[in-house]
């Protein structure tokens, strides 16, 4: 996966995690809202979003030779889904995955001697 494609996909899906939380908070204050149904729907959307982030990080990690890259969105998802009051950890994990995924040294090829 190319860096630009990785950047756009990862940034879009990580932005969706904040969007789902915002929608949940906005609908929770409406008087006719069943909070349990909205919470389950939000959790399902978050799970699918984090699965997409893990897959995107897996593809990029495989491409650049950093197979551990998919662990970062996995940890972010665990903190975002289980410990919802700590917003800093998922943000740091997603930014770290984005930075590691974008940083890739080009391999220097030695030129063959001219005979």
Protein backbone atom coordinates (compact mmCIF):
# COMPACT_ATOMS: atom_id res chain seq x y z
CA UNK A 1 0.00 0.00 0.00
CA UNK A 2 1.38 3.37 -1.01
CA UNK A 3 1.96 6.07 1.65
CA UNK A 4 -0.67 8.47 0.30
CA UNK A 5 -3.33 5.76 0.18
CA UNK A 6 -2.41 4.60 3.68
CA UNK A 7 -2.54 8.17 4.98
CA UNK A 8 -5.97 8.91 3.51
CA UNK A 9 -7.53 5.59 4.55
CA UNK A 10 -6.08 5.54 8.05
CA UNK A 11 -6.90 9.18 8.72
CA UNK A 12 -10.46 8.74 7.44
CA UNK A 13 -11.20 5.68 9.53
CA UNK A 14 -9.52 7.03 12.67
CA UNK A 15 -11.57 10.20 12.26
CA UNK A 16 -14.71 8.07 12.14
CA UNK A 17 -14.04 6.84 15.68
CA UNK A 18 -14.40 10.40 16.97
CA UNK A 19 -17.45 10.93 14.78
CA UNK A 20 -19.23 7.87 16.24
CA UNK A 21 -18.56 9.12 19.78
CA UNK A 22 -19.87 12.56 18.86
CA UNK A 23 -23.08 11.09 17.42
CA UNK A 24 -23.53 8.98 20.56
CA UNK A 25 -23.16 11.99 22.83
CA UNK A 26 -25.46 14.13 20.68
CA UNK A 27 -28.25 11.56 20.63
CA UNK A 28 -27.88 10.68 24.31
CA UNK A 29 -29.27 14.07 25.33
CA UNK A 30 -32.46 13.74 23.31
CA UNK A 31 -35.44 12.96 25.56
CA UNK A 32 -36.90 10.15 23.43
CA UNK A 33 -33.64 8.26 22.94
CA UNK A 34 -33.21 4.69 24.15
CA UNK A 35 -29.63 4.96 25.38
CA UNK A 36 -28.99 1.19 25.39
CA UNK A 37 -29.78 0.77 21.70
CA UNK A 38 -27.68 3.79 20.74
CA UNK A 39 -24.79 2.49 22.86
CA UNK A 40 -24.88 -0.95 21.21
CA UNK A 41 -25.04 0.61 17.74
CA UNK A 42 -22.11 2.90 18.55
CA UNK A 43 -20.03 0.00 19.89
CA UNK A 44 -20.72 -2.06 16.75
CA UNK A 45 -19.71 0.82 14.50
CA UNK A 46 -16.55 1.33 16.56
CA UNK A 47 -15.66 -2.37 16.30
CA UNK A 48 -16.05 -2.36 12.51
CA UNK A 49 -14.05 0.86 12.25
CA UNK A 50 -11.20 -0.51 14.34
CA UNK A 51 -11.21 -3.76 12.37
CA UNK A 52 -10.76 -1.67 9.22
CA UNK A 53 -7.92 0.26 10.88
CA UNK A 54 -6.21 -2.97 11.91
CA UNK A 55 -6.51 -4.32 8.36
CA UNK A 56 -5.16 -1.09 6.83
CA UNK A 57 -2.24 -1.10 9.26
CA UNK A 58 -1.62 -4.78 8.51
CA UNK A 59 -1.41 -4.11 4.77
CA UNK A 60 0.91 -1.14 5.20
CA UNK A 61 3.06 -2.99 7.75
CA UNK A 62 3.39 -5.93 5.42
CA UNK A 63 4.36 -3.61 2.56
CA UNK A 64 7.10 -1.80 4.51
CA UNK A 65 8.28 -4.78 6.55
CA UNK A 66 6.91 -3.63 9.92
CA UNK A 67 4.47 -6.37 10.82
CA UNK A 68 3.97 -4.97 14.32
CA UNK A 69 2.14 -1.93 12.93
CA UNK A 70 -1.26 -3.60 13.27
CA UNK A 71 -0.82 -3.89 17.05
CA UNK A 72 -1.15 -0.12 17.51
CA UNK A 73 -4.76 0.24 16.25
CA UNK A 74 -5.60 -2.95 18.16
CA UNK A 75 -4.43 -1.36 21.42
CA UNK A 76 -6.23 1.86 20.51
CA UNK A 77 -9.43 -0.11 19.93
CA UNK A 78 -9.15 -1.89 23.25
CA UNK A 79 -8.78 1.38 25.10
CA UNK A 80 -11.49 3.08 23.07
CA UNK A 81 -14.03 0.29 23.53
CA UNK A 82 -13.29 -0.86 27.07
CA UNK A 83 -11.91 2.18 28.87
CA UNK A 84 -13.87 4.98 27.24
CA UNK A 85 -12.81 7.67 29.69
CA UNK A 86 -9.17 7.60 28.56
CA UNK A 87 -9.24 9.36 25.20
CA UNK A 88 -5.55 10.13 25.06
CA UNK A 89 -4.34 6.53 24.58
CA UNK A 90 -6.33 5.79 21.38
CA UNK A 91 -5.29 9.15 19.95
CA UNK A 92 -1.60 8.55 20.70
CA UNK A 93 -1.78 5.00 19.30
CA UNK A 94 -3.45 6.15 16.08
CA UNK A 95 -1.00 9.02 15.56
CA UNK A 96 1.92 6.67 16.27
CA UNK A 97 0.62 4.11 13.77
CA UNK A 98 0.18 6.86 11.20
CA UNK A 99 3.73 8.18 11.73
CA UNK A 100 5.36 4.74 11.68
CA UNK A 101 3.34 3.76 8.62
CA UNK A 102 4.38 6.88 6.73
CA UNK A 103 8.04 6.75 7.68
CA UNK A 104 9.81 4.33 5.42
CA UNK A 105 13.40 4.55 4.29
CA UNK A 106 13.97 3.80 0.66
CA UNK A 107 16.37 0.94 0.23
CA UNK A 108 19.63 2.04 -1.34
CA UNK A 109 20.68 -0.31 -4.10
CA UNK A 110 24.32 -0.69 -4.80
CA UNK A 111 25.15 -0.06 -8.40
CA UNK A 112 26.75 -2.86 -10.33
CA UNK A 113 30.30 -2.22 -11.51
CA UNK A 114 30.56 -1.31 -15.13
CA UNK A 115 32.69 -3.79 -17.03
